[in-house]
Amino acid sequence: MSSQRIEGEKIRCVGRKVSKPRLIHQSGRHRAIEIFVEGRPARAEVVRVWRVLKS
């Protein structure tokens, strides 16, 4: 099984089965939610592209 990564500000996933949301810790005090989507096939697409804002 190969894993592929997509990155974006907003990602939409479509599948037949979704796992229970789980809180995970990112760098520093940041928190994120992790879910697993299963399907035949499970699909994910970037709705809003990630961008870096200059200050």
N, C-alpha and C. Protein backbone atom coordinates (compact mmCIF):
# COMPACT_ATOMS: atom_id res chain seq x y z
N MET A 1 0.84 -1.18 0.00
CA MET A 1 0.00 0.00 0.00
C MET A 1 0.88 1.24 0.00
N SER A 2 0.68 2.13 -0.94
CA SER A 2 1.44 3.37 -0.98
C SER A 2 0.56 4.50 -0.45
N SER A 3 1.18 5.41 0.28
CA SER A 3 0.41 6.54 0.79
C SER A 3 0.82 7.80 0.02
N GLN A 4 -0.16 8.63 -0.25
CA GLN A 4 0.08 9.88 -0.95
C GLN A 4 -0.49 10.99 -0.09
N ARG A 5 0.11 12.17 -0.17
CA ARG A 5 -0.30 13.29 0.66
C ARG A 5 -0.76 14.45 -0.20
N ILE A 6 -1.87 15.05 0.20
CA ILE A 6 -2.31 16.31 -0.41
C ILE A 6 -2.39 17.34 0.70
N GLU A 7 -2.15 18.60 0.36
CA GLU A 7 -2.18 19.67 1.35
C GLU A 7 -3.04 20.81 0.83
N GLY A 8 -3.80 21.42 1.71
CA GLY A 8 -4.64 22.55 1.36
C GLY A 8 -5.28 23.13 2.60
N GLU A 9 -5.91 24.29 2.47
CA GLU A 9 -6.62 24.89 3.59
C GLU A 9 -7.92 24.14 3.88
N LYS A 10 -8.56 23.64 2.83
CA LYS A 10 -9.82 22.91 2.98
C LYS A 10 -9.79 21.71 2.06
N ILE A 11 -10.06 20.52 2.63
CA ILE A 11 -10.03 19.27 1.88
C ILE A 11 -11.36 18.57 2.06
N ARG A 12 -11.93 18.08 0.95
CA ARG A 12 -13.19 17.35 0.99
C ARG A 12 -12.90 15.88 0.71
N CYS A 13 -13.44 15.00 1.56
CA CYS A 13 -13.25 13.56 1.40
C CYS A 13 -14.59 12.88 1.17
N VAL A 14 -14.59 11.86 0.32
CA VAL A 14 -15.80 11.11 0.01
C VAL A 14 -15.47 9.62 0.15
N GLY A 15 -16.31 8.91 0.89
CA GLY A 15 -16.10 7.49 1.07
C GLY A 15 -17.33 6.84 1.67
N ARG A 16 -17.27 5.54 1.87
CA ARG A 16 -18.40 4.81 2.42
C ARG A 16 -18.39 4.76 3.94
N LYS A 17 -17.22 4.85 4.55
CA LYS A 17 -17.13 4.73 6.00
C LYS A 17 -16.15 5.78 6.52
N VAL A 18 -16.55 6.49 7.59
CA VAL A 18 -15.72 7.52 8.19
C VAL A 18 -15.48 7.14 9.64
N SER A 19 -14.22 7.23 10.08
CA SER A 19 -13.88 6.87 11.45
C SER A 19 -14.30 7.99 12.41
N LYS A 20 -14.26 7.69 13.67
CA LYS A 20 -14.55 8.67 14.71
C LYS A 20 -13.43 9.72 14.73
N PRO A 21 -13.75 11.01 14.81
CA PRO A 21 -12.70 12.04 14.85
C PRO A 21 -11.82 11.88 16.09
N ARG A 22 -10.51 12.07 15.89
CA ARG A 22 -9.55 11.91 16.98
C ARG A 22 -8.69 13.16 17.06
N LEU A 23 -8.51 13.71 18.25
CA LEU A 23 -7.70 14.90 18.46
C LEU A 23 -6.23 14.51 18.50
N ILE A 24 -5.41 15.16 17.66
CA ILE A 24 -3.98 14.91 17.66
C ILE A 24 -3.26 16.23 17.88
N HIS A 25 -2.04 16.18 18.33
CA HIS A 25 -1.25 17.38 18.61
C HIS A 25 -0.30 17.66 17.46
N GLN A 26 -0.27 18.90 17.03
CA GLN A 26 0.67 19.34 16.01
C GLN A 26 1.81 20.05 16.72
N SER A 27 2.61 20.80 15.99
CA SER A 27 3.74 21.50 16.59
C SER A 27 3.28 22.55 17.58
N GLY A 28 4.00 22.68 18.68
CA GLY A 28 3.66 23.67 19.70
C GLY A 28 2.34 23.36 20.37
N ARG A 29 1.48 24.37 20.50
CA ARG A 29 0.17 24.18 21.13
C ARG A 29 -0.94 23.92 20.13
N HIS A 30 -0.61 23.79 18.87
CA HIS A 30 -1.61 23.59 17.83
C HIS A 30 -2.21 22.19 17.93
N ARG A 31 -3.50 22.10 17.68
CA ARG A 31 -4.20 20.82 17.69
C ARG A 31 -4.87 20.61 16.34
N ALA A 32 -5.07 19.37 16.01
CA ALA A 32 -5.73 19.04 14.74
C ALA A 32 -6.64 17.84 14.97
N ILE A 33 -7.51 17.58 14.02
CA ILE A 33 -8.42 16.44 14.08
C ILE A 33 -8.04 15.47 12.96
N GLU A 34 -7.97 14.20 13.31
CA GLU A 34 -7.64 13.17 12.33
C GLU A 34 -8.83 12.24 12.15
N ILE A 35 -9.18 11.96 10.89
CA ILE A 35 -10.21 10.97 10.58
C ILE A 35 -9.71 10.10 9.44
N PHE A 36 -10.23 8.91 9.36
CA PHE A 36 -9.91 8.00 8.27
C PHE A 36 -11.18 7.77 7.46
N VAL A 37 -11.05 7.86 6.14
CA VAL A 37 -12.16 7.65 5.23
C VAL A 37 -11.87 6.40 4.41
N GLU A 38 -12.82 5.46 4.41
CA GLU A 38 -12.65 4.23 3.65
C GLU A 38 -13.69 4.17 2.54
N GLY A 39 -13.34 3.55 1.46
CA GLY A 39 -14.28 3.41 0.35
C GLY A 39 -13.66 2.64 -0.79
N ARG A 40 -14.45 2.40 -1.80
CA ARG A 40 -13.97 1.69 -2.99
C ARG A 40 -14.26 2.52 -4.22
N PRO A 41 -13.50 3.50 -4.57
CA PRO A 41 -12.35 4.06 -3.88
C PRO A 41 -12.75 5.22 -2.96
N ALA A 42 -11.92 5.52 -1.97
CA ALA A 42 -12.09 6.73 -1.16
C ALA A 42 -11.41 7.86 -1.93
N ARG A 43 -12.04 9.03 -1.95
CA ARG A 43 -11.51 10.15 -2.71
C ARG A 43 -11.32 11.36 -1.81
N ALA A 44 -10.31 12.15 -2.12
CA ALA A 44 -10.07 13.42 -1.43
C ALA A 44 -9.66 14.45 -2.46
N GLU A 45 -10.15 15.67 -2.30
CA GLU A 45 -9.77 16.74 -3.21
C GLU A 45 -9.61 18.03 -2.42
N VAL A 46 -8.72 18.87 -2.90
CA VAL A 46 -8.47 20.16 -2.26
C VAL A 46 -9.52 21.14 -2.74
N VAL A 47 -10.29 21.71 -1.80
CA VAL A 47 -11.32 22.69 -2.14
C VAL A 47 -10.72 24.09 -2.15
N ARG A 48 -9.87 24.38 -1.18
CA ARG A 48 -9.20 25.69 -1.11
C ARG A 48 -7.70 25.43 -1.01
N VAL A 49 -6.92 25.97 -1.95
CA VAL A 49 -5.49 25.75 -2.00
C VAL A 49 -4.82 26.46 -0.83
N TRP A 50 -3.81 25.80 -0.27
CA TRP A 50 -3.05 26.38 0.86
C TRP A 50 -2.17 27.50 0.34
N ARG A 51 -2.18 28.63 1.04
CA ARG A 51 -1.36 29.75 0.63
C ARG A 51 -0.70 30.37 1.86
N VAL A 52 0.45 30.94 1.66
CA VAL A 52 1.21 31.57 2.74
C VAL A 52 1.01 33.07 2.64
N LEU A 53 0.59 33.69 3.74
CA LEU A 53 0.38 35.13 3.76
C LEU A 53 1.64 35.81 4.29
N LYS A 54 2.11 36.83 3.59
CA LYS A 54 3.27 37.59 4.06
C LYS A 54 2.79 38.73 4.92
N SER A 55 3.45 38.93 6.04
CA SER A 55 3.02 40.02 6.93
C SER A 55 3.98 41.18 6.89
